[in-house]
Amino acid sequence: MEANLLPFVSVIIPALDNETLMKDCLISLLQTVYPPERREILVVDNGSTDRTADIIKSFPVQYLYEKRNGVSHARNRGIKASKGEILAFTDPDCVVSKGWLNELVRPFDDEDAGGVAGAIIPYPGQTPAERYAARIRSHSQERPMNHPLRPFAMTPNIAFRREVFQEIGLFDTRFPGGGWEDADLCWRFSKETNLKLKYAHRAIVFHRYRNTAKDFFIQHIRYGYGLAVIYTKYHRELSWEWRESLRAYRDLSRAAWTLTKLGFKRMIRRCEAEDFDAAYFGFLRQLGQRLGFLRGSLSGR
C-alpha cells in the first residue's frame, strides 16, 4: 500500500521510572518501517523521579506529563492528545520488531476489525525472575485471547480504532496499577460494539520481564489488586464465592509446601537450582496475587 494511503497511527506509551528501559524501547519504535509521516509517538510520563523524562525528551517523540498516578490515567492522557485514526499501545519494557506497526495495522483493512492484538515474545532473560516469567508465558496473548467465555488481549501489544474509545470510553481509572484494565477494556469492546478483535501473529514485540524477586512480587500484588477490581465491577456476571477463595488459598498452600520441600532438598544438594527457582517464584506469584486481591477487595473500588 502506498504511504499516503496508510492510516495515521498514534503509538502511546505510559512511563514511570523506566530509565533503564526507555531508550531501547524508543530506538526500536523509531526504527520501524512504517512511514514516519504516517505515525506519531507519544510517551506519557506518569511522575517519574529518575532520568526517564530526560531520556524521552532526547528523542524525536512527543513528551506528555500526567500527574494523576496510574497507568490508566497515563494512557488516557495519551489518547486525548493523539491524532491517529488507529491508536497503538506498548510499554517501556518492550522492544518492537521493525515490521511491528505494519503488521499490527494490516488487519484494519477489514472494516469489521475494531481492535488488533499482536504477539508478545519473551525478551531473552538473564535472571531467575525473568526466566521464570518466560517459562510460564506470563504475557502470552494466545491464552487470554482463546479464553472460552471472556477473551481479551494485553496492552503491551494492541491497537484500536479511535472511534472505539469514542463509543465505549477510555481506560477505567479504577485500575490504578498494571493489571486487568486491558481485560476490562476488551470486555467493554466486545459488549458495546459490533466490531471484532483480531490477532496479528507477525506483529511482534519482545517483552522484558521484572528482573528481581522484589519487582516480580510487587507486579503480582498489582495483578491481584486488579483482579479484585474486575470482580467487583462485574460482580453480576463473575462469581467469586467461597469455592473460588478456597481454591486460591489451596493453590497458595501447595506452592508454599512445594517451596519448603524443595528448599530442604536444595540444602542437601538434591534439587536443581532451576526447580527451586520455579518453586520460589511460583510461591511469590501466588502470595502476591492473594495479598493484592485482599487489598483490592477491601478498597471498595
C-alpha atoms as a PDB file:
ATOM      1  CA  MET A   1       0.000   0.000   0.000  1.00  0.00           C
ATOM      2  CA  GLU A   2       1.258   3.483  -0.837  1.00  0.00           C
ATOM      3  CA  ALA A   3       2.402   5.504   2.169  1.00  0.00           C
ATOM      4  CA  ASN A   4      -0.214   8.216   1.725  1.00  0.00           C
ATOM      5  CA  LEU A   5      -2.965   5.576   1.852  1.00  0.00           C
ATOM      6  CA  LEU A   6      -1.833   4.096   5.154  1.00  0.00           C
ATOM      7  CA  PRO A   7      -3.814   5.137   8.248  1.00  0.00           C
ATOM      8  CA  PHE A   8      -2.210   7.683  10.550  1.00  0.00           C
ATOM      9  CA  VAL A   9      -1.215   5.823  13.733  1.00  0.00           C
ATOM     10  CA  SER A  10      -0.588   7.156  17.231  1.00  0.00           C
ATOM     11  CA  VAL A  11       1.679   4.970  19.369  1.00  0.00           C
ATOM     12  CA  ILE A  12       1.042   5.583  23.084  1.00  0.00           C
ATOM     13  CA  ILE A  13       3.480   4.530  25.825  1.00  0.00           C
ATOM     14  CA  PRO A  14       2.939   5.172  29.574  1.00  0.00           C
ATOM     15  CA  ALA A  15       6.178   5.599  31.531  1.00  0.00           C
ATOM     16  CA  LEU A  16       7.145   5.631  35.197  1.00  0.00           C
ATOM     17  CA  ASP A  17      10.768   5.397  36.360  1.00  0.00           C
ATOM     18  CA  ASN A  18      11.853   3.454  33.299  1.00  0.00           C
ATOM     19  CA  GLU A  19      15.296   4.963  32.759  1.00  0.00           C
ATOM     20  CA  THR A  20      16.942   1.566  32.169  1.00  0.00           C
ATOM     21  CA  LEU A  21      14.375   0.504  29.556  1.00  0.00           C
ATOM     22  CA  MET A  22      13.112   3.645  27.833  1.00  0.00           C
ATOM     23  CA  LYS A  23      15.980   4.162  25.410  1.00  0.00           C
ATOM     24  CA  ASP A  24      15.804   0.704  23.833  1.00  0.00           C
ATOM     25  CA  CYS A  25      12.032   0.942  23.519  1.00  0.00           C
ATOM     26  CA  LEU A  26      12.143   4.305  21.725  1.00  0.00           C
ATOM     27  CA  ILE A  27      15.008   3.286  19.442  1.00  0.00           C
ATOM     28  CA  SER A  28      13.027   0.244  18.315  1.00  0.00           C
ATOM     29  CA  LEU A  29       9.899   2.345  17.702  1.00  0.00           C
ATOM     30  CA  LEU A  30      11.818   4.869  15.608  1.00  0.00           C
ATOM     31  CA  GLN A  31      13.338   2.053  13.559  1.00  0.00           C
ATOM     32  CA  THR A  32      10.019   0.565  12.479  1.00  0.00           C
ATOM     33  CA  VAL A  33       9.492   0.581   8.731  1.00  0.00           C
ATOM     34  CA  TYR A  34       6.106   2.277   8.999  1.00  0.00           C
ATOM     35  CA  PRO A  35       6.398   5.675   7.238  1.00  0.00           C
ATOM     36  CA  PRO A  36       7.358   8.335   9.837  1.00  0.00           C
ATOM     37  CA  GLU A  37       4.971  10.836   8.271  1.00  0.00           C
ATOM     38  CA  ARG A  38       2.087   8.441   8.938  1.00  0.00           C
ATOM     39  CA  ARG A  39       2.694   7.941  12.646  1.00  0.00           C
ATOM     40  CA  GLU A  40       3.368   9.770  15.897  1.00  0.00           C
ATOM     41  CA  ILE A  41       4.858   8.503  19.150  1.00  0.00           C
ATOM     42  CA  LEU A  42       3.502   9.868  22.430  1.00  0.00           C
ATOM     43  CA  VAL A  43       5.197   8.986  25.716  1.00  0.00           C
ATOM     44  CA  VAL A  44       3.284   9.868  28.878  1.00  0.00           C
ATOM     45  CA  ASP A  45       5.447  10.427  31.952  1.00  0.00           C
ATOM     46  CA  ASN A  46       3.384   9.410  34.980  1.00  0.00           C
ATOM     47  CA  GLY A  47       5.525  11.148  37.587  1.00  0.00           C
ATOM     48  CA  SER A  48       8.993   9.677  37.124  1.00  0.00           C
ATOM     49  CA  THR A  49      11.660  10.631  39.659  1.00  0.00           C
ATOM     50  CA  ASP A  50      14.627   9.184  37.768  1.00  0.00           C
ATOM     51  CA  ARG A  51      16.049  10.173  34.334  1.00  0.00           C
ATOM     52  CA  THR A  52      13.041   8.881  32.376  1.00  0.00           C
ATOM     53  CA  ALA A  53      11.806  12.359  31.390  1.00  0.00           C
ATOM     54  CA  ASP A  54      15.257  13.449  30.155  1.00  0.00           C
ATOM     55  CA  ILE A  55      15.608  10.296  28.075  1.00  0.00           C
ATOM     56  CA  ILE A  56      12.189  10.762  26.477  1.00  0.00           C
ATOM     57  CA  LYS A  57      12.920  14.390  25.637  1.00  0.00           C
ATOM     58  CA  SER A  58      16.177  13.409  23.916  1.00  0.00           C
ATOM     59  CA  PHE A  59      14.216  11.547  21.222  1.00  0.00           C
ATOM     60  CA  PRO A  60      12.016  12.940  18.417  1.00  0.00           C
ATOM     61  CA  VAL A  61       8.795  11.892  20.151  1.00  0.00           C
ATOM     62  CA  GLN A  62       6.031  13.806  21.913  1.00  0.00           C
ATOM     63  CA  TYR A  63       6.548  14.102  25.678  1.00  0.00           C
ATOM     64  CA  LEU A  64       3.434  14.344  27.849  1.00  0.00           C
ATOM     65  CA  TYR A  65       3.062  14.530  31.611  1.00  0.00           C
ATOM     66  CA  GLU A  66       0.239  13.058  33.677  1.00  0.00           C
ATOM     67  CA  LYS A  67       0.333  13.849  37.397  1.00  0.00           C
ATOM     68  CA  ARG A  68      -2.513  11.540  38.380  1.00  0.00           C
ATOM     69  CA  ASN A  69      -0.936   8.251  39.335  1.00  0.00           C
ATOM     70  CA  GLY A  70      -1.909   5.132  37.454  1.00  0.00           C
ATOM     71  CA  VAL A  71      -1.253   3.585  34.060  1.00  0.00           C
ATOM     72  CA  SER A  72      -4.897   4.086  33.023  1.00  0.00           C
ATOM     73  CA  HIS A  73      -4.624   7.843  33.656  1.00  0.00           C
ATOM     74  CA  ALA A  74      -1.397   7.899  31.630  1.00  0.00           C
ATOM     75  CA  ARG A  75      -2.831   6.023  28.660  1.00  0.00           C
ATOM     76  CA  ASN A  76      -5.959   8.181  28.706  1.00  0.00           C
ATOM     77  CA  ARG A  77      -3.781  11.302  28.612  1.00  0.00           C
ATOM     78  CA  GLY A  78      -2.097   9.916  25.527  1.00  0.00           C
ATOM     79  CA  ILE A  79      -5.402   9.056  23.870  1.00  0.00           C
ATOM     80  CA  LYS A  80      -6.741  12.583  24.384  1.00  0.00           C
ATOM     81  CA  ALA A  81      -3.586  14.176  22.939  1.00  0.00           C
ATOM     82  CA  SER A  82      -3.304  11.812  19.979  1.00  0.00           C
ATOM     83  CA  LYS A  83      -4.309  12.464  16.380  1.00  0.00           C
ATOM     84  CA  GLY A  84      -4.293   8.989  14.876  1.00  0.00           C
ATOM     85  CA  GLU A  85      -7.051   7.042  13.182  1.00  0.00           C
ATOM     86  CA  ILE A  86      -5.507   3.984  14.837  1.00  0.00           C
ATOM     87  CA  LEU A  87      -4.224   4.095  18.428  1.00  0.00           C
ATOM     88  CA  ALA A  88      -1.496   1.544  19.194  1.00  0.00           C
ATOM     89  CA  PHE A  89      -0.185   0.723  22.661  1.00  0.00           C
ATOM     90  CA  THR A  90       3.034  -0.727  24.009  1.00  0.00           C
ATOM     91  CA  ASP A  91       5.139  -0.337  27.158  1.00  0.00           C
ATOM     92  CA  PRO A  92       8.674   0.818  28.035  1.00  0.00           C
ATOM     93  CA  ASP A  93       9.694  -2.761  28.870  1.00  0.00           C
ATOM     94  CA  CYS A  94       9.045  -3.781  25.261  1.00  0.00           C
ATOM     95  CA  VAL A  95      11.210  -3.686  22.148  1.00  0.00           C
ATOM     96  CA  VAL A  96       9.179  -3.776  18.935  1.00  0.00           C
ATOM     97  CA  SER A  97      10.159  -5.545  15.719  1.00  0.00           C
ATOM     98  CA  LYS A  98      10.808  -3.458  12.624  1.00  0.00           C
ATOM     99  CA  GLY A  99       7.624  -4.620  10.935  1.00  0.00           C
ATOM    100  CA  TRP A 100       5.531  -4.394  14.109  1.00  0.00           C
ATOM    101  CA  LEU A 101       3.375  -1.400  13.197  1.00  0.00           C
ATOM    102  CA  ASN A 102       2.797  -2.511   9.601  1.00  0.00           C
ATOM    103  CA  GLU A 103       1.604  -5.924  10.755  1.00  0.00           C
ATOM    104  CA  LEU A 104      -0.494  -4.508  13.605  1.00  0.00           C
ATOM    105  CA  VAL A 105      -2.268  -2.103  11.254  1.00  0.00           C
ATOM    106  CA  ARG A 106      -2.782  -4.540   8.360  1.00  0.00           C
ATOM    107  CA  PRO A 107      -5.920  -6.304   9.749  1.00  0.00           C
ATOM    108  CA  PHE A 108      -7.708  -2.934   9.952  1.00  0.00           C
ATOM    109  CA  ASP A 109      -8.185  -3.238   6.178  1.00  0.00           C
ATOM    110  CA  ASP A 110     -11.216  -5.258   7.257  1.00  0.00           C
ATOM    111  CA  GLU A 111     -13.904  -2.752   8.227  1.00  0.00           C
ATOM    112  CA  ASP A 112     -15.203  -5.180  10.865  1.00  0.00           C
ATOM    113  CA  ALA A 113     -11.888  -5.058  12.740  1.00  0.00           C
ATOM    114  CA  GLY A 114     -12.089  -2.647  15.669  1.00  0.00           C
ATOM    115  CA  GLY A 115      -9.043  -3.909  17.542  1.00  0.00           C
ATOM    116  CA  VAL A 116      -5.912  -5.888  16.739  1.00  0.00           C
ATOM    117  CA  ALA A 117      -3.554  -7.615  19.157  1.00  0.00           C
ATOM    118  CA  GLY A 118      -0.010  -8.683  18.305  1.00  0.00           C
ATOM    119  CA  ALA A 119       2.338 -11.338  19.642  1.00  0.00           C
ATOM    120  CA  ILE A 120       4.284 -10.792  22.874  1.00  0.00           C
ATOM    121  CA  ILE A 121       7.549 -12.752  22.885  1.00  0.00           C
ATOM    122  CA  PRO A 122       9.804 -13.025  25.977  1.00  0.00           C
ATOM    123  CA  TYR A 123      12.996 -10.993  25.706  1.00  0.00           C
ATOM    124  CA  PRO A 124      15.946 -13.280  26.495  1.00  0.00           C
ATOM    125  CA  GLY A 125      16.054 -13.460  30.291  1.00  0.00           C
ATOM    126  CA  GLN A 126      19.190 -13.091  32.393  1.00  0.00           C
ATOM    127  CA  THR A 127      17.851 -13.515  35.937  1.00  0.00           C
ATOM    128  CA  PRO A 128      15.799 -16.251  37.648  1.00  0.00           C
ATOM    129  CA  ALA A 129      12.782 -13.919  37.822  1.00  0.00           C
ATOM    130  CA  GLU A 130      12.917 -13.242  34.075  1.00  0.00           C
ATOM    131  CA  ARG A 131      13.428 -16.901  33.198  1.00  0.00           C
ATOM    132  CA  TYR A 132      10.507 -18.000  35.372  1.00  0.00           C
ATOM    133  CA  ALA A 133       8.125 -15.444  33.839  1.00  0.00           C
ATOM    134  CA  ALA A 134       9.167 -16.549  30.354  1.00  0.00           C
ATOM    135  CA  ARG A 135       8.741 -20.182  31.334  1.00  0.00           C
ATOM    136  CA  ILE A 136       5.114 -19.709  32.388  1.00  0.00           C
ATOM    137  CA  ARG A 137       4.450 -17.468  29.331  1.00  0.00           C
ATOM    138  CA  SER A 138       3.339 -14.674  31.614  1.00  0.00           C
ATOM    139  CA  HIS A 139       2.311 -12.271  28.845  1.00  0.00           C
ATOM    140  CA  SER A 140       1.295 -14.662  26.086  1.00  0.00           C
ATOM    141  CA  GLN A 141      -1.580 -13.205  24.053  1.00  0.00           C
ATOM    142  CA  GLU A 142      -2.804 -16.604  22.863  1.00  0.00           C
ATOM    143  CA  ARG A 143      -4.018 -17.730  26.279  1.00  0.00           C
ATOM    144  CA  PRO A 144      -6.327 -14.790  27.135  1.00  0.00           C
ATOM    145  CA  MET A 145      -7.462 -14.377  23.529  1.00  0.00           C
ATOM    146  CA  ASN A 146      -8.560 -18.021  23.428  1.00  0.00           C
ATOM    147  CA  HIS A 147     -10.489 -17.863  26.692  1.00  0.00           C
ATOM    148  CA  PRO A 148     -13.800 -19.652  26.013  1.00  0.00           C
ATOM    149  CA  LEU A 149     -16.001 -17.105  27.814  1.00  0.00           C
ATOM    150  CA  ARG A 150     -14.233 -13.745  28.021  1.00  0.00           C
ATOM    151  CA  PRO A 151     -11.353 -13.352  25.568  1.00  0.00           C
ATOM    152  CA  PHE A 152      -9.130 -10.292  25.848  1.00  0.00           C
ATOM    153  CA  ALA A 153      -5.695  -9.035  24.827  1.00  0.00           C
ATOM    154  CA  MET A 154      -2.937  -7.264  26.742  1.00  0.00           C
ATOM    155  CA  THR A 155      -1.786  -3.682  26.284  1.00  0.00           C
ATOM    156  CA  PRO A 156       1.928  -4.297  25.606  1.00  0.00           C
ATOM    157  CA  ASN A 157       0.801  -5.013  22.040  1.00  0.00           C
ATOM    158  CA  ILE A 158      -2.645  -3.880  20.986  1.00  0.00           C
ATOM    159  CA  ALA A 159      -4.334  -1.266  18.794  1.00  0.00           C
ATOM    160  CA  PHE A 160      -7.872   0.088  18.407  1.00  0.00           C
ATOM    161  CA  ARG A 161      -9.675   2.379  16.020  1.00  0.00           C
ATOM    162  CA  ARG A 162     -10.151   5.829  17.508  1.00  0.00           C
ATOM    163  CA  GLU A 163     -13.930   5.541  17.271  1.00  0.00           C
ATOM    164  CA  VAL A 164     -13.848   2.568  19.651  1.00  0.00           C
ATOM    165  CA  PHE A 165     -12.827   4.886  22.508  1.00  0.00           C
ATOM    166  CA  GLN A 166     -15.425   7.409  21.423  1.00  0.00           C
ATOM    167  CA  GLU A 167     -18.045   4.686  21.671  1.00  0.00           C
ATOM    168  CA  ILE A 168     -17.062   2.757  24.817  1.00  0.00           C
ATOM    169  CA  GLY A 169     -14.984   5.310  26.735  1.00  0.00           C
ATOM    170  CA  LEU A 170     -11.366   5.305  27.874  1.00  0.00           C
ATOM    171  CA  PHE A 171      -9.411   3.029  30.223  1.00  0.00           C
ATOM    172  CA  ASP A 172     -11.148   2.658  33.587  1.00  0.00           C
ATOM    173  CA  THR A 173      -9.029   4.512  36.163  1.00  0.00           C
ATOM    174  CA  ARG A 174     -10.289   2.280  38.967  1.00  0.00           C
ATOM    175  CA  PHE A 175      -7.448   0.021  37.851  1.00  0.00           C
ATOM    176  CA  PRO A 176      -4.551   2.116  39.213  1.00  0.00           C
ATOM    177  CA  GLY A 177      -1.703  -0.301  38.542  1.00  0.00           C
ATOM    178  CA  GLY A 178      -0.837  -2.556  35.631  1.00  0.00           C
ATOM    179  CA  GLY A 179      -3.244  -5.467  35.577  1.00  0.00           C
ATOM    180  CA  TRP A 180      -6.731  -6.222  34.233  1.00  0.00           C
ATOM    181  CA  GLU A 181      -7.506  -2.740  32.861  1.00  0.00           C
ATOM    182  CA  ASP A 182      -6.864  -4.259  29.427  1.00  0.00           C
ATOM    183  CA  ALA A 183      -9.323  -7.084  30.077  1.00  0.00           C
ATOM    184  CA  ASP A 184     -11.961  -4.570  31.169  1.00  0.00           C
ATOM    185  CA  LEU A 185     -11.436  -2.524  28.009  1.00  0.00           C
ATOM    186  CA  CYS A 186     -11.664  -5.580  25.760  1.00  0.00           C
ATOM    187  CA  TRP A 187     -14.787  -6.838  27.504  1.00  0.00           C
ATOM    188  CA  ARG A 188     -16.492  -3.466  27.039  1.00  0.00           C
ATOM    189  CA  PHE A 189     -15.351  -3.501  23.418  1.00  0.00           C
ATOM    190  CA  SER A 190     -16.981  -6.914  22.892  1.00  0.00           C
ATOM    191  CA  LYS A 191     -20.213  -5.963  24.666  1.00  0.00           C
ATOM    192  CA  GLU A 192     -20.725  -2.450  23.325  1.00  0.00           C
ATOM    193  CA  THR A 193     -19.614  -2.682  19.701  1.00  0.00           C
ATOM    194  CA  ASN A 194     -20.241  -4.988  16.758  1.00  0.00           C
ATOM    195  CA  LEU A 195     -16.568  -4.951  15.811  1.00  0.00           C
ATOM    196  CA  LYS A 196     -14.043  -7.774  16.047  1.00  0.00           C
ATOM    197  CA  LEU A 197     -10.784  -8.135  17.962  1.00  0.00           C
ATOM    198  CA  LYS A 198      -8.257  -9.782  15.656  1.00  0.00           C
ATOM    199  CA  TYR A 199      -4.857 -11.330  16.230  1.00  0.00           C
ATOM    200  CA  ALA A 200      -1.803 -10.476  14.111  1.00  0.00           C
ATOM    201  CA  HIS A 201       0.836 -13.082  14.970  1.00  0.00           C
ATOM    202  CA  ARG A 202       3.511 -11.321  12.900  1.00  0.00           C
ATOM    203  CA  ALA A 203       3.124  -8.036  14.811  1.00  0.00           C
ATOM    204  CA  ILE A 204       5.806  -8.878  17.360  1.00  0.00           C
ATOM    205  CA  VAL A 205       7.072  -7.122  20.472  1.00  0.00           C
ATOM    206  CA  PHE A 206       9.748  -8.537  22.743  1.00  0.00           C
ATOM    207  CA  HIS A 207       8.816  -8.111  26.385  1.00  0.00           C
ATOM    208  CA  ARG A 208      11.279  -7.707  29.257  1.00  0.00           C
ATOM    209  CA  TYR A 209      10.037  -9.233  32.497  1.00  0.00           C
ATOM    210  CA  ARG A 210      10.743  -7.951  36.004  1.00  0.00           C
ATOM    211  CA  ASN A 211      14.337  -8.892  36.770  1.00  0.00           C
ATOM    212  CA  THR A 212      14.287  -9.079  40.580  1.00  0.00           C
ATOM    213  CA  ALA A 213      12.231 -11.071  43.039  1.00  0.00           C
ATOM    214  CA  LYS A 214      11.043  -7.852  44.696  1.00  0.00           C
ATOM    215  CA  ASP A 215       9.760  -6.324  41.456  1.00  0.00           C
ATOM    216  CA  PHE A 216       8.219  -9.649  40.415  1.00  0.00           C
ATOM    217  CA  PHE A 217       6.369  -9.847  43.753  1.00  0.00           C
ATOM    218  CA  ILE A 218       5.116  -6.230  43.524  1.00  0.00           C
ATOM    219  CA  GLN A 219       3.892  -6.855  39.991  1.00  0.00           C
ATOM    220  CA  HIS A 220       1.782  -9.795  41.129  1.00  0.00           C
ATOM    221  CA  ILE A 221       0.343  -7.817  44.023  1.00  0.00           C
ATOM    222  CA  ARG A 222      -0.890  -5.383  41.357  1.00  0.00           C
ATOM    223  CA  TYR A 223      -2.319  -8.246  39.312  1.00  0.00           C
ATOM    224  CA  GLY A 224      -4.219  -9.487  42.352  1.00  0.00           C
ATOM    225  CA  TYR A 225      -5.499  -5.981  43.096  1.00  0.00           C
ATOM    226  CA  GLY A 226      -6.718  -5.588  39.518  1.00  0.00           C
ATOM    227  CA  LEU A 227      -8.431  -8.969  39.665  1.00  0.00           C
ATOM    228  CA  ALA A 228     -10.368  -7.867  42.752  1.00  0.00           C
ATOM    229  CA  VAL A 229     -11.415  -4.646  40.996  1.00  0.00           C
ATOM    230  CA  ILE A 230     -12.662  -6.520  37.955  1.00  0.00           C
ATOM    231  CA  TYR A 231     -14.644  -8.964  40.106  1.00  0.00           C
ATOM    232  CA  THR A 232     -16.206  -6.001  41.905  1.00  0.00           C
ATOM    233  CA  LYS A 233     -17.066  -4.273  38.639  1.00  0.00           C
ATOM    234  CA  TYR A 234     -18.546  -7.383  37.034  1.00  0.00           C
ATOM    235  CA  HIS A 235     -19.990  -8.952  40.162  1.00  0.00           C
ATOM    236  CA  ARG A 236     -23.291  -9.727  38.427  1.00  0.00           C
ATOM    237  CA  GLU A 237     -21.500 -11.689  35.716  1.00  0.00           C
ATOM    238  CA  LEU A 238     -18.482 -13.104  37.526  1.00  0.00           C
ATOM    239  CA  SER A 239     -18.856 -15.135  40.688  1.00  0.00           C
ATOM    240  CA  TRP A 240     -16.221 -15.166  43.409  1.00  0.00           C
ATOM    241  CA  GLU A 241     -17.668 -17.354  46.095  1.00  0.00           C
ATOM    242  CA  TRP A 242     -16.172 -19.377  48.905  1.00  0.00           C
ATOM    243  CA  ARG A 243     -15.198 -22.122  46.458  1.00  0.00           C
ATOM    244  CA  GLU A 244     -13.013 -19.734  44.467  1.00  0.00           C
ATOM    245  CA  SER A 245     -11.415 -18.408  47.644  1.00  0.00           C
ATOM    246  CA  LEU A 246     -10.792 -21.928  48.880  1.00  0.00           C
ATOM    247  CA  ARG A 247      -9.216 -22.891  45.571  1.00  0.00           C
ATOM    248  CA  ALA A 248      -6.963 -19.800  45.575  1.00  0.00           C
ATOM    249  CA  TYR A 249      -5.674 -20.434  49.107  1.00  0.00           C
ATOM    250  CA  ARG A 250      -5.280 -24.128  48.357  1.00  0.00           C
ATOM    251  CA  ASP A 251      -3.029 -23.209  45.424  1.00  0.00           C
ATOM    252  CA  LEU A 252      -1.042 -20.884  47.700  1.00  0.00           C
ATOM    253  CA  SER A 253      -0.641 -23.653  50.289  1.00  0.00           C
ATOM    254  CA  ARG A 254       0.541 -26.083  47.643  1.00  0.00           C
ATOM    255  CA  ALA A 255       3.064 -23.547  46.353  1.00  0.00           C
ATOM    256  CA  ALA A 256       4.352 -22.975  49.906  1.00  0.00           C
ATOM    257  CA  TRP A 257       4.642 -26.721  50.524  1.00  0.00           C
ATOM    258  CA  THR A 258       6.486 -27.294  47.237  1.00  0.00           C
ATOM    259  CA  LEU A 259       8.901 -24.479  48.058  1.00  0.00           C
ATOM    260  CA  THR A 260       9.531 -25.865  51.549  1.00  0.00           C
ATOM    261  CA  LYS A 261      10.097 -29.389  50.246  1.00  0.00           C
ATOM    262  CA  LEU A 262      12.488 -28.302  47.511  1.00  0.00           C
ATOM    263  CA  GLY A 263      14.220 -25.941  49.941  1.00  0.00           C
ATOM    264  CA  PHE A 264      15.211 -28.898  52.108  1.00  0.00           C
ATOM    265  CA  LYS A 265      16.353 -30.831  49.062  1.00  0.00           C
ATOM    266  CA  ARG A 266      18.347 -27.841  47.923  1.00  0.00           C
ATOM    267  CA  MET A 267      20.134 -27.729  51.278  1.00  0.00           C
ATOM    268  CA  ILE A 268      21.404 -31.276  50.762  1.00  0.00           C
ATOM    269  CA  ARG A 269      22.084 -30.653  47.064  1.00  0.00           C
ATOM    270  CA  ARG A 270      19.386 -32.972  45.773  1.00  0.00           C
ATOM    271  CA  CYS A 271      17.460 -30.285  43.895  1.00  0.00           C
ATOM    272  CA  GLU A 272      18.431 -28.418  40.749  1.00  0.00           C
ATOM    273  CA  ALA A 273      18.600 -24.637  41.040  1.00  0.00           C
ATOM    274  CA  GLU A 274      16.074 -24.244  38.209  1.00  0.00           C
ATOM    275  CA  ASP A 275      13.500 -26.389  40.025  1.00  0.00           C
ATOM    276  CA  PHE A 276      13.983 -24.449  43.256  1.00  0.00           C
ATOM    277  CA  ASP A 277      13.676 -21.103  41.427  1.00  0.00           C
ATOM    278  CA  ALA A 278      10.437 -22.278  39.799  1.00  0.00           C
ATOM    279  CA  ALA A 279       9.011 -23.179  43.214  1.00  0.00           C
ATOM    280  CA  TYR A 280      10.206 -19.924  44.764  1.00  0.00           C
ATOM    281  CA  PHE A 281       8.720 -17.666  42.114  1.00  0.00           C
ATOM    282  CA  GLY A 282       5.593 -19.784  41.918  1.00  0.00           C
ATOM    283  CA  PHE A 283       5.089 -19.132  45.628  1.00  0.00           C
ATOM    284  CA  LEU A 284       5.767 -15.390  45.222  1.00  0.00           C
ATOM    285  CA  ARG A 285       3.252 -15.260  42.374  1.00  0.00           C
ATOM    286  CA  GLN A 286       0.517 -16.941  44.401  1.00  0.00           C
ATOM    287  CA  LEU A 287       1.260 -14.936  47.554  1.00  0.00           C
ATOM    288  CA  GLY A 288       1.426 -11.609  45.718  1.00  0.00           C
ATOM    289  CA  GLN A 289      -1.858 -12.197  43.950  1.00  0.00           C
ATOM    290  CA  ARG A 290      -3.601 -13.253  47.170  1.00  0.00           C
ATOM    291  CA  LEU A 291      -2.351 -10.165  49.040  1.00  0.00           C
ATOM    292  CA  GLY A 292      -3.280  -7.891  46.144  1.00  0.00           C
ATOM    293  CA  PHE A 293      -6.726  -9.453  45.831  1.00  0.00           C
ATOM    294  CA  LEU A 294      -7.361  -8.999  49.550  1.00  0.00           C
ATOM    295  CA  ARG A 295      -6.242  -5.381  49.384  1.00  0.00           C
ATOM    296  CA  GLY A 296      -8.387  -4.717  46.316  1.00  0.00           C
ATOM    297  CA  SER A 297     -11.418  -6.380  47.897  1.00  0.00           C
ATOM    298  CA  LEU A 298     -11.100  -4.188  50.976  1.00  0.00           C
ATOM    299  CA  SER A 299     -10.604  -0.985  48.967  1.00  0.00           C
ATOM    300  CA  GLY A 300     -14.240  -0.951  47.824  1.00  0.00           C
ATOM    301  CA  ARG A 301     -13.380   0.197  44.294  1.00  0.00           C
END
